[in-house]
Amino acid sequence: MKALLDFIPLIAFFIAARYNGILAAAGALLVATIVVYAIHFVRQKGKFDKQQWVVLLLTIVFCGGTLLLRDDIYLRWKSPIINGIFALTLLVSAAINKPLMQLAMKDVFSLTMSGWKKLTIAWAVFFAIMAVLHYITAFTMSDEAWINFKTYGWIPLMLVFVVAQFLLLKKHLNPALTDKSAK
């Protein structure tokens, strides 16, 4: 349910951008994000994880800046910066021996510390690549190309990355998880 809700701001952005332009898209993205995060806040009993705070605050700052100053440059920076923050955070967590992917996926996979670090670094590299791709589309391509990539161009890349990881890691599925599904 959470993942489906998280697509609502993206859909709002795409529809508004297609029919009413970038400034309308910034407004739609801002309003939809606030509504979706209010729902998350209630469903999560008044709590957000750090990733949710980063996305919410940066969306407010970048969409707000875009609307207040009537300049889409701020909105164009949002995705490269968010992906860059995720990449840097993951790299730091691996460097200090507290790989964040272990916290996120420990119930799914059973890996050694080295495995968790490699997985965390793989995700960091993925987010770094996404930051670069978002930057390239936002600042070197047409508005239409940028909107298309921002709306649905990154989704196939994410799916390929996740499926490839699962195929590589399926032999490391947590035994407790496979025992539950067998029953």
N, C-alpha and C. Protein backbone atom coordinates (compact mmCIF):
# COMPACT_ATOMS: atom_id res chain seq x y z
N MET A 1 0.83 -1.20 0.00
CA MET A 1 0.00 0.00 0.00
C MET A 1 0.87 1.26 0.00
N LYS A 2 1.95 1.25 0.82
CA LYS A 2 2.85 2.40 0.89
C LYS A 2 3.44 2.71 -0.48
N ALA A 3 3.91 1.69 -1.17
CA ALA A 3 4.53 1.90 -2.49
C ALA A 3 3.52 2.48 -3.47
N LEU A 4 2.28 2.02 -3.42
CA LEU A 4 1.26 2.56 -4.32
C LEU A 4 0.97 4.03 -4.02
N LEU A 5 0.89 4.36 -2.73
CA LEU A 5 0.66 5.75 -2.34
C LEU A 5 1.79 6.65 -2.84
N ASP A 6 3.02 6.13 -2.79
CA ASP A 6 4.17 6.93 -3.18
C ASP A 6 4.19 7.28 -4.66
N PHE A 7 3.39 6.59 -5.47
CA PHE A 7 3.30 6.91 -6.89
C PHE A 7 2.30 8.02 -7.19
N ILE A 8 1.45 8.36 -6.24
CA ILE A 8 0.44 9.40 -6.46
C ILE A 8 1.08 10.76 -6.79
N PRO A 9 2.10 11.23 -6.05
CA PRO A 9 2.71 12.50 -6.43
C PRO A 9 3.33 12.47 -7.83
N LEU A 10 3.89 11.34 -8.20
CA LEU A 10 4.48 11.19 -9.53
C LEU A 10 3.41 11.31 -10.61
N ILE A 11 2.29 10.67 -10.39
CA ILE A 11 1.18 10.74 -11.34
C ILE A 11 0.64 12.17 -11.42
N ALA A 12 0.51 12.82 -10.27
CA ALA A 12 0.03 14.21 -10.24
C ALA A 12 0.99 15.12 -11.01
N PHE A 13 2.29 14.90 -10.80
CA PHE A 13 3.30 15.69 -11.52
C PHE A 13 3.16 15.51 -13.03
N PHE A 14 3.08 14.26 -13.45
CA PHE A 14 3.02 13.95 -14.88
C PHE A 14 1.78 14.58 -15.53
N ILE A 15 0.63 14.40 -14.93
CA ILE A 15 -0.61 14.93 -15.50
C ILE A 15 -0.56 16.46 -15.57
N ALA A 16 -0.14 17.09 -14.48
CA ALA A 16 -0.08 18.55 -14.47
C ALA A 16 0.94 19.07 -15.47
N ALA A 17 2.09 18.41 -15.57
CA ALA A 17 3.12 18.85 -16.51
C ALA A 17 2.64 18.73 -17.95
N ARG A 18 1.98 17.63 -18.25
CA ARG A 18 1.49 17.39 -19.61
C ARG A 18 0.49 18.43 -20.06
N TYR A 19 -0.41 18.80 -19.16
CA TYR A 19 -1.53 19.64 -19.56
C TYR A 19 -1.42 21.11 -19.14
N ASN A 20 -0.57 21.38 -18.12
CA ASN A 20 -0.53 22.75 -17.60
C ASN A 20 0.87 23.31 -17.41
N GLY A 21 1.91 22.56 -17.72
CA GLY A 21 3.28 23.08 -17.62
C GLY A 21 3.98 22.74 -16.32
N ILE A 22 5.25 23.17 -16.28
CA ILE A 22 6.13 22.81 -15.17
C ILE A 22 5.70 23.44 -13.84
N LEU A 23 5.29 24.70 -13.85
CA LEU A 23 4.90 25.33 -12.59
C LEU A 23 3.68 24.64 -11.99
N ALA A 24 2.72 24.30 -12.81
CA ALA A 24 1.55 23.56 -12.31
C ALA A 24 1.99 22.19 -11.80
N ALA A 25 2.94 21.58 -12.48
CA ALA A 25 3.44 20.27 -12.05
C ALA A 25 4.11 20.38 -10.69
N ALA A 26 4.86 21.46 -10.46
CA ALA A 26 5.49 21.66 -9.15
C ALA A 26 4.43 21.78 -8.06
N GLY A 27 3.37 22.52 -8.34
CA GLY A 27 2.28 22.65 -7.37
C GLY A 27 1.58 21.33 -7.12
N ALA A 28 1.31 20.59 -8.19
CA ALA A 28 0.65 19.29 -8.04
C ALA A 28 1.53 18.32 -7.25
N LEU A 29 2.82 18.32 -7.56
CA LEU A 29 3.75 17.44 -6.85
C LEU A 29 3.81 17.81 -5.36
N LEU A 30 3.86 19.09 -5.07
CA LEU A 30 3.92 19.55 -3.68
C LEU A 30 2.66 19.15 -2.91
N VAL A 31 1.51 19.46 -3.47
CA VAL A 31 0.24 19.15 -2.79
C VAL A 31 0.07 17.64 -2.62
N ALA A 32 0.32 16.88 -3.69
CA ALA A 32 0.14 15.42 -3.62
C ALA A 32 1.12 14.80 -2.61
N THR A 33 2.36 15.30 -2.59
CA THR A 33 3.34 14.77 -1.63
C THR A 33 2.90 15.05 -0.20
N ILE A 34 2.43 16.25 0.07
CA ILE A 34 1.98 16.58 1.43
C ILE A 34 0.79 15.71 1.83
N VAL A 35 -0.15 15.51 0.93
CA VAL A 35 -1.31 14.66 1.23
C VAL A 35 -0.88 13.22 1.48
N VAL A 36 -0.04 12.68 0.59
CA VAL A 36 0.41 11.29 0.75
C VAL A 36 1.22 11.12 2.04
N TYR A 37 2.08 12.09 2.35
CA TYR A 37 2.88 11.97 3.56
C TYR A 37 2.03 12.17 4.81
N ALA A 38 0.96 12.94 4.73
CA ALA A 38 0.02 13.04 5.86
C ALA A 38 -0.63 11.68 6.11
N ILE A 39 -0.99 11.00 5.04
CA ILE A 39 -1.56 9.65 5.17
C ILE A 39 -0.53 8.70 5.78
N HIS A 40 0.72 8.75 5.28
CA HIS A 40 1.79 7.92 5.85
C HIS A 40 1.97 8.24 7.34
N PHE A 41 1.96 9.52 7.69
CA PHE A 41 2.18 9.95 9.06
C PHE A 41 1.12 9.35 9.99
N VAL A 42 -0.13 9.37 9.55
CA VAL A 42 -1.22 8.80 10.34
C VAL A 42 -1.08 7.28 10.42
N ARG A 43 -0.82 6.63 9.27
CA ARG A 43 -0.70 5.17 9.23
C ARG A 43 0.51 4.66 10.02
N GLN A 44 1.56 5.48 10.10
CA GLN A 44 2.78 5.09 10.81
C GLN A 44 2.80 5.63 12.24
N LYS A 45 1.62 5.97 12.73
CA LYS A 45 1.42 6.41 14.11
C LYS A 45 2.31 7.59 14.49
N GLY A 46 2.33 8.60 13.63
CA GLY A 46 3.03 9.84 13.93
C GLY A 46 4.53 9.80 13.74
N LYS A 47 5.02 8.87 12.90
CA LYS A 47 6.46 8.76 12.70
C LYS A 47 6.80 8.66 11.21
N PHE A 48 7.95 9.22 10.85
CA PHE A 48 8.55 9.05 9.53
C PHE A 48 9.93 8.46 9.71
N ASP A 49 10.37 7.66 8.74
CA ASP A 49 11.77 7.25 8.77
C ASP A 49 12.58 8.37 8.12
N LYS A 50 13.91 8.26 8.21
CA LYS A 50 14.78 9.34 7.72
C LYS A 50 14.59 9.59 6.23
N GLN A 51 14.43 8.55 5.45
CA GLN A 51 14.24 8.70 4.00
C GLN A 51 12.97 9.51 3.72
N GLN A 52 11.92 9.23 4.46
CA GLN A 52 10.67 9.97 4.25
C GLN A 52 10.84 11.44 4.59
N TRP A 53 11.57 11.74 5.67
CA TRP A 53 11.82 13.14 6.03
C TRP A 53 12.60 13.85 4.93
N VAL A 54 13.63 13.18 4.41
CA VAL A 54 14.45 13.79 3.35
C VAL A 54 13.58 14.11 2.13
N VAL A 55 12.81 13.14 1.68
CA VAL A 55 11.97 13.34 0.49
C VAL A 55 10.95 14.45 0.74
N LEU A 56 10.28 14.40 1.87
CA LEU A 56 9.25 15.41 2.17
C LEU A 56 9.86 16.81 2.25
N LEU A 57 10.91 16.97 3.01
CA LEU A 57 11.50 18.30 3.18
C LEU A 57 12.08 18.84 1.88
N LEU A 58 12.78 17.99 1.12
CA LEU A 58 13.34 18.47 -0.15
C LEU A 58 12.25 18.77 -1.17
N THR A 59 11.17 18.02 -1.14
CA THR A 59 10.04 18.32 -2.04
C THR A 59 9.45 19.69 -1.69
N ILE A 60 9.26 19.94 -0.41
CA ILE A 60 8.72 21.24 0.02
C ILE A 60 9.67 22.37 -0.39
N VAL A 61 10.97 22.17 -0.14
CA VAL A 61 11.94 23.22 -0.47
C VAL A 61 12.01 23.47 -1.97
N PHE A 62 12.18 22.41 -2.76
CA PHE A 62 12.38 22.59 -4.20
C PHE A 62 11.10 22.98 -4.93
N CYS A 63 9.99 22.36 -4.58
CA CYS A 63 8.73 22.75 -5.23
C CYS A 63 8.31 24.13 -4.75
N GLY A 64 8.49 24.38 -3.45
CA GLY A 64 8.16 25.71 -2.92
C GLY A 64 8.99 26.80 -3.58
N GLY A 65 10.31 26.54 -3.73
CA GLY A 65 11.17 27.51 -4.41
C GLY A 65 10.75 27.73 -5.84
N THR A 66 10.39 26.66 -6.52
CA THR A 66 9.94 26.76 -7.91
C THR A 66 8.69 27.63 -8.00
N LEU A 67 7.76 27.41 -7.09
CA LEU A 67 6.50 28.17 -7.14
C LEU A 67 6.68 29.61 -6.70
N LEU A 68 7.43 29.83 -5.62
CA LEU A 68 7.62 31.20 -5.13
C LEU A 68 8.39 32.08 -6.11
N LEU A 69 9.42 31.49 -6.71
CA LEU A 69 10.28 32.27 -7.61
C LEU A 69 9.90 32.10 -9.08
N ARG A 70 8.91 31.25 -9.33
CA ARG A 70 8.41 31.00 -10.69
C ARG A 70 9.55 30.61 -11.63
N ASP A 71 10.42 29.72 -11.14
CA ASP A 71 11.59 29.27 -11.89
C ASP A 71 11.75 27.77 -11.66
N ASP A 72 11.68 26.98 -12.73
CA ASP A 72 11.72 25.53 -12.58
C ASP A 72 13.11 24.97 -12.28
N ILE A 73 14.12 25.81 -12.21
CA ILE A 73 15.48 25.34 -11.92
C ILE A 73 15.52 24.60 -10.57
N TYR A 74 14.73 25.07 -9.62
CA TYR A 74 14.72 24.44 -8.29
C TYR A 74 14.12 23.04 -8.36
N LEU A 75 13.05 22.90 -9.09
CA LEU A 75 12.43 21.58 -9.25
C LEU A 75 13.36 20.64 -10.00
N ARG A 76 14.10 21.16 -10.95
CA ARG A 76 15.03 20.33 -11.73
C ARG A 76 16.15 19.77 -10.84
N TRP A 77 16.50 20.49 -9.79
CA TRP A 77 17.57 20.01 -8.89
C TRP A 77 17.07 18.96 -7.90
N LYS A 78 15.78 18.84 -7.69
CA LYS A 78 15.24 17.97 -6.64
C LYS A 78 15.70 16.51 -6.78
N SER A 79 15.46 15.88 -7.90
CA SER A 79 15.79 14.45 -8.05
C SER A 79 17.30 14.18 -8.03
N PRO A 80 18.13 15.00 -8.70
CA PRO A 80 19.57 14.73 -8.58
C PRO A 80 20.07 14.83 -7.13
N ILE A 81 19.55 15.80 -6.40
CA ILE A 81 20.01 15.98 -5.01
C ILE A 81 19.51 14.85 -4.12
N ILE A 82 18.23 14.48 -4.23
CA ILE A 82 17.71 13.39 -3.40
C ILE A 82 18.48 12.10 -3.69
N ASN A 83 18.67 11.76 -4.96
CA ASN A 83 19.41 10.54 -5.29
C ASN A 83 20.86 10.63 -4.82
N GLY A 84 21.46 11.80 -4.91
CA GLY A 84 22.82 12.00 -4.42
C GLY A 84 22.92 11.82 -2.92
N ILE A 85 21.94 12.33 -2.19
CA ILE A 85 21.92 12.16 -0.73
C ILE A 85 21.80 10.67 -0.38
N PHE A 86 20.91 9.96 -1.07
CA PHE A 86 20.77 8.53 -0.81
C PHE A 86 22.08 7.80 -1.10
N ALA A 87 22.73 8.12 -2.21
CA ALA A 87 23.99 7.47 -2.58
C ALA A 87 25.05 7.72 -1.51
N LEU A 88 25.20 8.97 -1.12
CA LEU A 88 26.21 9.33 -0.12
C LEU A 88 25.92 8.68 1.23
N THR A 89 24.67 8.69 1.64
CA THR A 89 24.29 8.08 2.91
C THR A 89 24.61 6.59 2.92
N LEU A 90 24.29 5.91 1.83
CA LEU A 90 24.57 4.48 1.74
C LEU A 90 26.08 4.21 1.75
N LEU A 91 26.84 5.00 1.03
CA LEU A 91 28.30 4.82 1.03
C LEU A 91 28.89 5.02 2.42
N VAL A 92 28.45 6.06 3.10
CA VAL A 92 28.95 6.32 4.46
C VAL A 92 28.57 5.18 5.39
N SER A 93 27.34 4.69 5.26
CA SER A 93 26.92 3.59 6.15
C SER A 93 27.77 2.34 5.93
N ALA A 94 28.13 2.07 4.70
CA ALA A 94 29.01 0.91 4.42
C ALA A 94 30.41 1.17 4.96
N ALA A 95 30.89 2.40 4.83
CA ALA A 95 32.24 2.74 5.28
C ALA A 95 32.40 2.63 6.80
N ILE A 96 31.32 2.91 7.53
CA ILE A 96 31.40 2.85 9.00
C ILE A 96 30.87 1.52 9.55
N ASN A 97 30.76 0.53 8.67
CA ASN A 97 30.32 -0.82 9.05
C ASN A 97 28.92 -0.88 9.63
N LYS A 98 28.04 -0.02 9.15
CA LYS A 98 26.62 -0.05 9.52
C LYS A 98 25.80 0.04 8.25
N PRO A 99 25.96 -0.97 7.35
CA PRO A 99 25.30 -0.89 6.04
C PRO A 99 23.78 -0.81 6.17
N LEU A 100 23.23 0.26 5.63
CA LEU A 100 21.79 0.49 5.75
C LEU A 100 20.94 -0.58 5.08
N MET A 101 21.47 -1.21 4.04
CA MET A 101 20.69 -2.26 3.38
C MET A 101 20.46 -3.45 4.32
N GLN A 102 21.35 -3.63 5.28
CA GLN A 102 21.15 -4.69 6.27
C GLN A 102 19.92 -4.38 7.12
N LEU A 103 19.78 -3.12 7.51
CA LEU A 103 18.59 -2.73 8.29
C LEU A 103 17.32 -2.91 7.48
N ALA A 104 17.38 -2.57 6.21
CA ALA A 104 16.20 -2.62 5.36
C ALA A 104 15.83 -4.03 4.92
N MET A 105 16.82 -4.92 4.76
CA MET A 105 16.55 -6.21 4.11
C MET A 105 16.94 -7.43 4.96
N LYS A 106 17.26 -7.22 6.23
CA LYS A 106 17.72 -8.34 7.05
C LYS A 106 16.67 -9.44 7.19
N ASP A 107 15.40 -9.11 7.05
CA ASP A 107 14.37 -10.13 7.14
C ASP A 107 14.23 -10.92 5.84
N VAL A 108 14.80 -10.41 4.76
CA VAL A 108 14.66 -11.05 3.46
C VAL A 108 15.89 -11.90 3.11
N PHE A 109 17.08 -11.34 3.37
CA PHE A 109 18.32 -12.03 3.00
C PHE A 109 19.18 -12.31 4.23
N SER A 110 19.96 -13.36 4.13
CA SER A 110 20.92 -13.73 5.17
C SER A 110 22.31 -13.59 4.54
N LEU A 111 22.99 -12.48 4.86
CA LEU A 111 24.29 -12.19 4.26
C LEU A 111 25.35 -11.97 5.34
N THR A 112 26.59 -12.11 4.95
CA THR A 112 27.70 -11.76 5.84
C THR A 112 27.82 -10.24 5.86
N MET A 113 28.65 -9.71 6.75
CA MET A 113 28.87 -8.27 6.79
C MET A 113 29.43 -7.79 5.44
N SER A 114 30.31 -8.57 4.87
CA SER A 114 30.88 -8.23 3.56
C SER A 114 29.77 -8.18 2.50
N GLY A 115 28.86 -9.13 2.55
CA GLY A 115 27.73 -9.16 1.62
C GLY A 115 26.83 -7.95 1.78
N TRP A 116 26.54 -7.57 3.04
CA TRP A 116 25.71 -6.39 3.28
C TRP A 116 26.38 -5.13 2.78
N LYS A 117 27.69 -5.05 2.98
CA LYS A 117 28.43 -3.88 2.49
C LYS A 117 28.37 -3.80 0.96
N LYS A 118 28.58 -4.95 0.30
CA LYS A 118 28.53 -4.97 -1.16
C LYS A 118 27.14 -4.59 -1.67
N LEU A 119 26.12 -5.10 -1.01
CA LEU A 119 24.75 -4.76 -1.41
C LEU A 119 24.49 -3.27 -1.21
N THR A 120 24.94 -2.74 -0.09
CA THR A 120 24.75 -1.32 0.20
C THR A 120 25.51 -0.46 -0.81
N ILE A 121 26.73 -0.85 -1.15
CA ILE A 121 27.51 -0.10 -2.14
C ILE A 121 26.84 -0.19 -3.53
N ALA A 122 26.30 -1.37 -3.85
CA ALA A 122 25.59 -1.51 -5.13
C ALA A 122 24.42 -0.52 -5.20
N TRP A 123 23.66 -0.40 -4.12
CA TRP A 123 22.55 0.55 -4.09
C TRP A 123 23.07 1.98 -4.15
N ALA A 124 24.18 2.26 -3.49
CA ALA A 124 24.77 3.60 -3.54
C ALA A 124 25.15 3.95 -4.97
N VAL A 125 25.77 3.01 -5.67
CA VAL A 125 26.15 3.24 -7.07
C VAL A 125 24.90 3.46 -7.92
N PHE A 126 23.87 2.65 -7.68
CA PHE A 126 22.62 2.83 -8.42
C PHE A 126 22.07 4.24 -8.22
N PHE A 127 22.00 4.69 -6.97
CA PHE A 127 21.46 6.03 -6.71
C PHE A 127 22.36 7.12 -7.29
N ALA A 128 23.67 6.90 -7.29
CA ALA A 128 24.58 7.87 -7.91
C ALA A 128 24.32 7.95 -9.42
N ILE A 129 24.15 6.80 -10.04
CA ILE A 129 23.84 6.79 -11.48
C ILE A 129 22.51 7.48 -11.74
N MET A 130 21.53 7.22 -10.89
CA MET A 130 20.23 7.87 -11.06
C MET A 130 20.36 9.39 -10.88
N ALA A 131 21.19 9.83 -9.95
CA ALA A 131 21.41 11.27 -9.76
C ALA A 131 21.97 11.88 -11.04
N VAL A 132 22.94 11.20 -11.64
CA VAL A 132 23.54 11.70 -12.88
C VAL A 132 22.51 11.71 -14.01
N LEU A 133 21.74 10.63 -14.14
CA LEU A 133 20.72 10.58 -15.20
C LEU A 133 19.66 11.66 -15.02
N HIS A 134 19.24 11.87 -13.77
CA HIS A 134 18.27 12.94 -13.51
C HIS A 134 18.87 14.31 -13.85
N TYR A 135 20.14 14.50 -13.52
CA TYR A 135 20.80 15.76 -13.84
C TYR A 135 20.86 15.97 -15.35
N ILE A 136 21.29 14.94 -16.06
CA ILE A 136 21.41 15.04 -17.52
C ILE A 136 20.06 15.36 -18.16
N THR A 137 19.02 14.65 -17.75
CA THR A 137 17.72 14.90 -18.37
C THR A 137 17.17 16.27 -17.97
N ALA A 138 17.44 16.71 -16.75
CA ALA A 138 16.91 17.99 -16.28
C ALA A 138 17.60 19.18 -16.91
N PHE A 139 18.90 19.06 -17.19
CA PHE A 139 19.65 20.24 -17.60
C PHE A 139 20.20 20.21 -19.03
N THR A 140 20.08 19.07 -19.71
CA THR A 140 20.62 19.04 -21.08
C THR A 140 19.59 18.60 -22.12
N MET A 141 18.41 18.24 -21.68
CA MET A 141 17.40 17.76 -22.62
C MET A 141 16.17 18.67 -22.60
N SER A 142 15.28 18.40 -23.51
CA SER A 142 14.05 19.19 -23.59
C SER A 142 13.19 18.98 -22.35
N ASP A 143 12.26 19.91 -22.14
CA ASP A 143 11.33 19.76 -21.02
C ASP A 143 10.57 18.44 -21.12
N GLU A 144 10.15 18.10 -22.32
CA GLU A 144 9.39 16.86 -22.51
C GLU A 144 10.22 15.63 -22.13
N ALA A 145 11.49 15.59 -22.55
CA ALA A 145 12.36 14.46 -22.21
C ALA A 145 12.57 14.38 -20.70
N TRP A 146 12.76 15.54 -20.08
CA TRP A 146 12.95 15.58 -18.63
C TRP A 146 11.69 15.08 -17.91
N ILE A 147 10.53 15.58 -18.31
CA ILE A 147 9.28 15.16 -17.68
C ILE A 147 9.06 13.66 -17.87
N ASN A 148 9.30 13.17 -19.08
CA ASN A 148 9.13 11.73 -19.33
C ASN A 148 10.06 10.89 -18.47
N PHE A 149 11.33 11.28 -18.37
CA PHE A 149 12.26 10.51 -17.54
C PHE A 149 11.86 10.60 -16.07
N LYS A 150 11.55 11.80 -15.61
CA LYS A 150 11.19 12.00 -14.21
C LYS A 150 9.92 11.23 -13.85
N THR A 151 9.03 11.13 -14.81
CA THR A 151 7.75 10.47 -14.54
C THR A 151 7.85 8.95 -14.62
N TYR A 152 8.40 8.44 -15.70
CA TYR A 152 8.42 6.98 -15.80
C TYR A 152 9.67 6.40 -16.42
N GLY A 153 10.64 7.19 -16.75
CA GLY A 153 11.87 6.67 -17.34
C GLY A 153 12.74 5.91 -16.37
N TRP A 154 12.74 6.31 -15.09
CA TRP A 154 13.59 5.66 -14.10
C TRP A 154 12.99 4.36 -13.60
N ILE A 155 11.70 4.17 -13.74
CA ILE A 155 11.03 2.98 -13.19
C ILE A 155 11.57 1.69 -13.82
N PRO A 156 11.69 1.59 -15.15
CA PRO A 156 12.26 0.35 -15.71
C PRO A 156 13.70 0.10 -15.23
N LEU A 157 14.47 1.17 -15.07
CA LEU A 157 15.84 1.00 -14.57
C LEU A 157 15.83 0.41 -13.15
N MET A 158 14.95 0.92 -12.32
CA MET A 158 14.83 0.42 -10.95
C MET A 158 14.37 -1.05 -10.96
N LEU A 159 13.41 -1.37 -11.79
CA LEU A 159 12.92 -2.76 -11.85
C LEU A 159 14.01 -3.73 -12.31
N VAL A 160 14.77 -3.34 -13.33
CA VAL A 160 15.86 -4.19 -13.81
C VAL A 160 16.89 -4.38 -12.70
N PHE A 161 17.23 -3.30 -12.00
CA PHE A 161 18.21 -3.37 -10.91
C PHE A 161 17.73 -4.29 -9.79
N VAL A 162 16.49 -4.14 -9.38
CA VAL A 162 15.93 -4.96 -8.29
C VAL A 162 15.84 -6.43 -8.69
N VAL A 163 15.37 -6.70 -9.90
CA VAL A 163 15.27 -8.09 -10.38
C VAL A 163 16.65 -8.72 -10.48
N ALA A 164 17.62 -7.98 -11.01
CA ALA A 164 18.99 -8.50 -11.11
C ALA A 164 19.55 -8.82 -9.73
N GLN A 165 19.30 -7.95 -8.79
CA GLN A 165 19.77 -8.21 -7.42
C GLN A 165 19.12 -9.45 -6.85
N PHE A 166 17.82 -9.55 -7.03
CA PHE A 166 17.13 -10.72 -6.50
C PHE A 166 17.69 -12.00 -7.10
N LEU A 167 17.93 -12.00 -8.40
CA LEU A 167 18.48 -13.19 -9.06
C LEU A 167 19.86 -13.53 -8.50
N LEU A 168 20.65 -12.52 -8.22
CA LEU A 168 21.98 -12.75 -7.64
C LEU A 168 21.90 -13.21 -6.18
N LEU A 169 20.91 -12.74 -5.47
CA LEU A 169 20.84 -12.99 -4.02
C LEU A 169 19.83 -14.06 -3.61
N LYS A 170 19.13 -14.66 -4.57
CA LYS A 170 18.06 -15.60 -4.19
C LYS A 170 18.58 -16.79 -3.39
N LYS A 171 19.83 -17.18 -3.58
CA LYS A 171 20.38 -18.29 -2.80
C LYS A 171 20.67 -17.87 -1.36
N HIS A 172 20.55 -16.56 -1.09
CA HIS A 172 20.79 -16.05 0.26
C HIS A 172 19.49 -15.64 0.95
N LEU A 173 18.37 -16.11 0.42
CA LEU A 173 17.09 -15.81 1.07
C LEU A 173 17.12 -16.30 2.50
N ASN A 174 16.56 -15.53 3.38
CA ASN A 174 16.51 -15.88 4.79
C ASN A 174 15.75 -17.19 4.95
N PRO A 175 16.35 -18.19 5.59
CA PRO A 175 15.68 -19.49 5.74
C PRO A 175 14.32 -19.39 6.43
N ALA A 176 14.19 -18.48 7.37
CA ALA A 176 12.90 -18.31 8.05
C ALA A 176 11.83 -17.86 7.06
N LEU A 177 12.21 -17.05 6.10
CA LEU A 177 11.28 -16.57 5.09
C LEU A 177 10.84 -17.71 4.17
N THR A 178 11.78 -18.53 3.73
CA THR A 178 11.44 -19.63 2.83
C THR A 178 10.67 -20.70 3.56
N ASP A 179 10.91 -20.90 4.85
CA ASP A 179 10.14 -21.88 5.64
C ASP A 179 8.69 -21.44 5.78
N LYS A 180 8.46 -20.16 5.97
CA LYS A 180 7.08 -19.64 6.11
C LYS A 180 6.30 -19.80 4.81
N SER A 181 6.97 -19.54 3.67
CA SER A 181 6.26 -19.64 2.40
C SER A 181 5.99 -21.09 2.01
N ALA A 182 6.76 -22.03 2.53
CA ALA A 182 6.58 -23.43 2.20
C ALA A 182 5.35 -24.01 2.94
N LYS A 183 4.96 -23.36 4.03
CA LYS A 183 3.84 -23.90 4.84
C LYS A 183 2.52 -23.55 4.28
